[in-house]
């Protein structure tokens, strides 16, 4: 279901998944703190991806989703490796 949601909705859902998992590492347990931290981290990830795209590719266009995938795929591979242990 998650892959179908990402296919239909696009990058925003993937950033939400990525930020949710990353915030678990940085923020202690508790939804009062973790939910706003997840929103801020998701905005930061999208901002960094957009800034990298606009800074290094002047004159060319590259979808921000590709940069978000390059950031997020290694992290999800790390989570899969961690879950196997």
N, C-alpha and C. Protein backbone atom coordinates (compact mmCIF):
# COMPACT_ATOMS: atom_id res chain seq x y z
N UNK A 1 0.82 -1.19 0.00
CA UNK A 1 0.00 0.00 0.00
C UNK A 1 0.87 1.25 0.00
N UNK A 2 1.99 1.18 0.69
CA UNK A 2 2.86 2.36 0.76
C UNK A 2 3.42 2.69 -0.61
N UNK A 3 3.87 1.67 -1.36
CA UNK A 3 4.43 1.94 -2.68
C UNK A 3 3.35 2.49 -3.62
N UNK A 4 2.13 2.01 -3.50
CA UNK A 4 1.04 2.53 -4.32
C UNK A 4 0.76 4.00 -3.99
N UNK A 5 0.82 4.34 -2.71
CA UNK A 5 0.60 5.73 -2.30
C UNK A 5 1.68 6.63 -2.85
N UNK A 6 2.92 6.17 -2.81
CA UNK A 6 4.02 6.98 -3.33
C UNK A 6 3.89 7.15 -4.84
N UNK A 7 3.48 6.09 -5.52
CA UNK A 7 3.30 6.19 -6.97
C UNK A 7 2.20 7.18 -7.32
N UNK A 8 1.09 7.15 -6.58
CA UNK A 8 -0.04 8.03 -6.89
C UNK A 8 0.23 9.46 -6.43
N UNK A 9 0.66 9.64 -5.20
CA UNK A 9 0.78 10.98 -4.63
C UNK A 9 2.13 11.63 -4.91
N UNK A 10 3.17 10.84 -5.09
CA UNK A 10 4.46 11.42 -5.45
C UNK A 10 5.38 11.63 -4.26
N UNK A 11 6.22 12.64 -4.39
CA UNK A 11 7.33 12.88 -3.46
C UNK A 11 6.89 13.23 -2.05
N UNK A 12 5.78 13.89 -1.91
CA UNK A 12 5.38 14.38 -0.59
C UNK A 12 5.15 13.21 0.36
N UNK A 13 4.54 12.14 -0.13
CA UNK A 13 4.31 10.97 0.72
C UNK A 13 5.64 10.32 1.08
N UNK A 14 6.56 10.24 0.12
CA UNK A 14 7.86 9.64 0.39
C UNK A 14 8.63 10.46 1.42
N UNK A 15 8.55 11.77 1.32
CA UNK A 15 9.21 12.63 2.30
C UNK A 15 8.58 12.45 3.67
N UNK A 16 7.27 12.28 3.71
CA UNK A 16 6.60 12.04 4.98
C UNK A 16 7.05 10.73 5.62
N UNK A 17 7.21 9.69 4.81
CA UNK A 17 7.71 8.42 5.34
C UNK A 17 9.14 8.56 5.82
N UNK A 18 9.95 9.22 5.05
CA UNK A 18 11.36 9.38 5.38
C UNK A 18 11.53 10.22 6.65
N UNK A 19 10.83 11.32 6.73
CA UNK A 19 10.95 12.20 7.90
C UNK A 19 10.42 11.53 9.16
N UNK A 20 9.37 10.75 9.03
CA UNK A 20 8.83 10.05 10.18
C UNK A 20 9.82 9.06 10.77
N UNK A 21 10.49 8.32 9.91
CA UNK A 21 11.47 7.36 10.39
C UNK A 21 12.73 8.05 10.91
N UNK A 22 13.13 9.12 10.27
CA UNK A 22 14.34 9.81 10.72
C UNK A 22 14.12 10.52 12.06
N UNK A 23 12.92 11.00 12.29
CA UNK A 23 12.67 11.71 13.55
C UNK A 23 12.73 10.77 14.75
N UNK A 24 12.53 9.47 14.51
CA UNK A 24 12.63 8.51 15.61
C UNK A 24 14.05 8.45 16.17
N UNK A 25 15.04 8.73 15.32
CA UNK A 25 16.42 8.71 15.78
C UNK A 25 16.78 9.93 16.61
N UNK A 26 16.22 11.07 16.25
CA UNK A 26 16.64 12.34 16.85
C UNK A 26 15.78 12.81 18.01
N UNK A 27 14.52 12.39 18.03
CA UNK A 27 13.57 12.93 19.00
C UNK A 27 13.15 11.81 19.96
N UNK A 28 13.12 12.09 21.24
CA UNK A 28 12.67 11.06 22.18
C UNK A 28 11.21 10.70 21.96
N UNK A 29 10.80 9.60 22.56
CA UNK A 29 9.42 9.12 22.40
C UNK A 29 8.42 10.15 22.91
N UNK A 30 7.29 10.19 22.29
CA UNK A 30 6.24 11.12 22.68
C UNK A 30 5.75 11.88 21.46
N UNK A 31 4.46 11.77 21.21
CA UNK A 31 3.91 12.36 19.99
C UNK A 31 3.82 13.88 20.04
N UNK A 32 3.81 14.45 21.22
CA UNK A 32 3.73 15.91 21.30
C UNK A 32 4.96 16.57 20.72
N UNK A 33 6.08 15.91 20.80
CA UNK A 33 7.32 16.46 20.27
C UNK A 33 7.64 15.87 18.91
N UNK A 34 7.36 14.59 18.73
CA UNK A 34 7.78 13.91 17.50
C UNK A 34 7.01 14.37 16.27
N UNK A 35 5.73 14.65 16.39
CA UNK A 35 4.95 15.06 15.21
C UNK A 35 5.41 16.42 14.68
N UNK A 36 5.58 17.45 15.52
CA UNK A 36 6.13 18.71 14.98
C UNK A 36 7.56 18.55 14.47
N UNK A 37 8.35 17.70 15.13
CA UNK A 37 9.72 17.47 14.65
C UNK A 37 9.72 16.79 13.29
N UNK A 38 8.77 15.88 13.08
CA UNK A 38 8.65 15.22 11.79
C UNK A 38 8.27 16.21 10.70
N UNK A 39 7.37 17.12 11.02
CA UNK A 39 6.98 18.13 10.03
C UNK A 39 8.15 19.04 9.67
N UNK A 40 8.88 19.47 10.68
CA UNK A 40 10.04 20.33 10.43
C UNK A 40 11.14 19.59 9.66
N UNK A 41 11.37 18.33 10.00
CA UNK A 41 12.39 17.55 9.31
C UNK A 41 11.99 17.30 7.86
N UNK A 42 10.71 17.04 7.61
CA UNK A 42 10.23 16.86 6.24
C UNK A 42 10.41 18.12 5.42
N UNK A 43 10.10 19.26 6.02
CA UNK A 43 10.30 20.54 5.32
C UNK A 43 11.78 20.77 5.05
N UNK A 44 12.62 20.42 6.01
CA UNK A 44 14.07 20.59 5.84
C UNK A 44 14.62 19.68 4.74
N UNK A 45 14.14 18.45 4.69
CA UNK A 45 14.59 17.53 3.63
C UNK A 45 14.20 18.06 2.26
N UNK A 46 12.97 18.52 2.12
CA UNK A 46 12.53 19.05 0.83
C UNK A 46 13.29 20.32 0.47
N UNK A 47 13.56 21.16 1.46
CA UNK A 47 14.32 22.39 1.21
C UNK A 47 15.75 22.08 0.77
N UNK A 48 16.38 21.12 1.42
CA UNK A 48 17.76 20.74 1.05
C UNK A 48 17.77 20.14 -0.35
N UNK A 49 16.82 19.28 -0.66
CA UNK A 49 16.76 18.66 -1.99
C UNK A 49 16.54 19.71 -3.07
N UNK A 50 15.65 20.67 -2.82
CA UNK A 50 15.39 21.71 -3.81
C UNK A 50 16.60 22.64 -3.96
N UNK A 51 17.25 22.96 -2.86
CA UNK A 51 18.42 23.82 -2.92
C UNK A 51 19.57 23.15 -3.68
N UNK A 52 19.78 21.85 -3.42
CA UNK A 52 20.82 21.13 -4.15
C UNK A 52 20.53 21.10 -5.64
N UNK A 53 19.26 20.88 -5.98
CA UNK A 53 18.89 20.84 -7.39
C UNK A 53 19.12 22.18 -8.07
N UNK A 54 18.74 23.26 -7.42
CA UNK A 54 18.87 24.59 -8.04
C UNK A 54 20.31 25.10 -8.02
N UNK A 55 21.10 24.70 -7.04
CA UNK A 55 22.46 25.22 -6.91
C UNK A 55 23.41 24.56 -7.90
N UNK A 56 23.38 23.25 -7.97
CA UNK A 56 24.37 22.54 -8.76
C UNK A 56 23.98 22.35 -10.22
N UNK A 57 22.74 22.53 -10.54
CA UNK A 57 22.30 22.32 -11.91
C UNK A 57 21.72 23.60 -12.50
N UNK A 58 22.52 24.63 -12.55
CA UNK A 58 22.08 25.91 -13.10
C UNK A 58 21.87 25.75 -14.60
N UNK A 59 20.69 26.09 -15.05
CA UNK A 59 20.38 26.00 -16.46
C UNK A 59 19.74 24.67 -16.85
N UNK A 60 19.91 23.65 -16.05
CA UNK A 60 19.29 22.36 -16.32
C UNK A 60 18.17 22.12 -15.32
N UNK A 61 17.26 21.26 -15.69
CA UNK A 61 16.18 20.94 -14.77
C UNK A 61 16.28 19.49 -14.36
N UNK A 62 16.12 19.25 -13.08
CA UNK A 62 16.11 17.91 -12.51
C UNK A 62 15.00 17.89 -11.47
N UNK A 63 14.10 16.94 -11.55
CA UNK A 63 13.02 16.90 -10.56
C UNK A 63 13.57 16.73 -9.15
N UNK A 64 12.98 17.41 -8.23
CA UNK A 64 13.39 17.33 -6.83
C UNK A 64 13.20 15.92 -6.29
N UNK A 65 12.25 15.18 -6.83
CA UNK A 65 11.99 13.83 -6.39
C UNK A 65 13.17 12.90 -6.56
N UNK A 66 13.97 13.15 -7.58
CA UNK A 66 15.16 12.33 -7.79
C UNK A 66 16.16 12.57 -6.67
N UNK A 67 16.34 13.81 -6.29
CA UNK A 67 17.27 14.13 -5.21
C UNK A 67 16.74 13.58 -3.89
N UNK A 68 15.44 13.68 -3.66
CA UNK A 68 14.85 13.12 -2.44
C UNK A 68 15.04 11.61 -2.40
N UNK A 69 14.91 10.95 -3.54
CA UNK A 69 15.12 9.51 -3.59
C UNK A 69 16.57 9.15 -3.33
N UNK A 70 17.49 9.95 -3.81
CA UNK A 70 18.91 9.71 -3.56
C UNK A 70 19.23 9.89 -2.08
N UNK A 71 18.54 10.80 -1.43
CA UNK A 71 18.72 10.99 0.01
C UNK A 71 18.04 9.87 0.79
N UNK A 72 16.85 9.49 0.38
CA UNK A 72 16.04 8.56 1.16
C UNK A 72 16.34 7.09 0.96
N UNK A 73 16.76 6.69 -0.22
CA UNK A 73 16.99 5.27 -0.47
C UNK A 73 18.09 4.68 0.42
N UNK A 74 19.23 5.34 0.58
CA UNK A 74 20.23 4.77 1.49
C UNK A 74 19.74 4.66 2.93
N UNK A 75 18.92 5.61 3.35
CA UNK A 75 18.41 5.55 4.72
C UNK A 75 17.47 4.37 4.91
N UNK A 76 16.61 4.12 3.92
CA UNK A 76 15.72 2.97 4.05
C UNK A 76 16.48 1.65 3.94
N UNK A 77 17.55 1.62 3.16
CA UNK A 77 18.41 0.43 3.14
C UNK A 77 19.06 0.21 4.50
N UNK A 78 19.47 1.30 5.15
CA UNK A 78 20.02 1.22 6.49
C UNK A 78 18.99 0.66 7.47
N UNK A 79 17.75 1.11 7.35
CA UNK A 79 16.69 0.61 8.24
C UNK A 79 16.42 -0.87 8.01
N UNK A 80 16.48 -1.32 6.74
CA UNK A 80 16.27 -2.73 6.45
C UNK A 80 17.40 -3.57 7.03
N UNK A 81 18.61 -3.09 6.89
CA UNK A 81 19.77 -3.79 7.45
C UNK A 81 19.68 -3.86 8.98
N UNK A 82 19.25 -2.76 9.59
CA UNK A 82 19.11 -2.71 11.03
C UNK A 82 18.02 -3.66 11.52
N UNK A 83 16.94 -3.80 10.76
CA UNK A 83 15.84 -4.68 11.14
C UNK A 83 16.22 -6.15 11.03
N UNK A 84 17.18 -6.48 10.18
CA UNK A 84 17.61 -7.86 10.02
C UNK A 84 18.40 -8.34 11.22
N UNK A 85 19.05 -7.42 11.94
CA UNK A 85 19.85 -7.81 13.10
C UNK A 85 19.03 -8.16 14.26
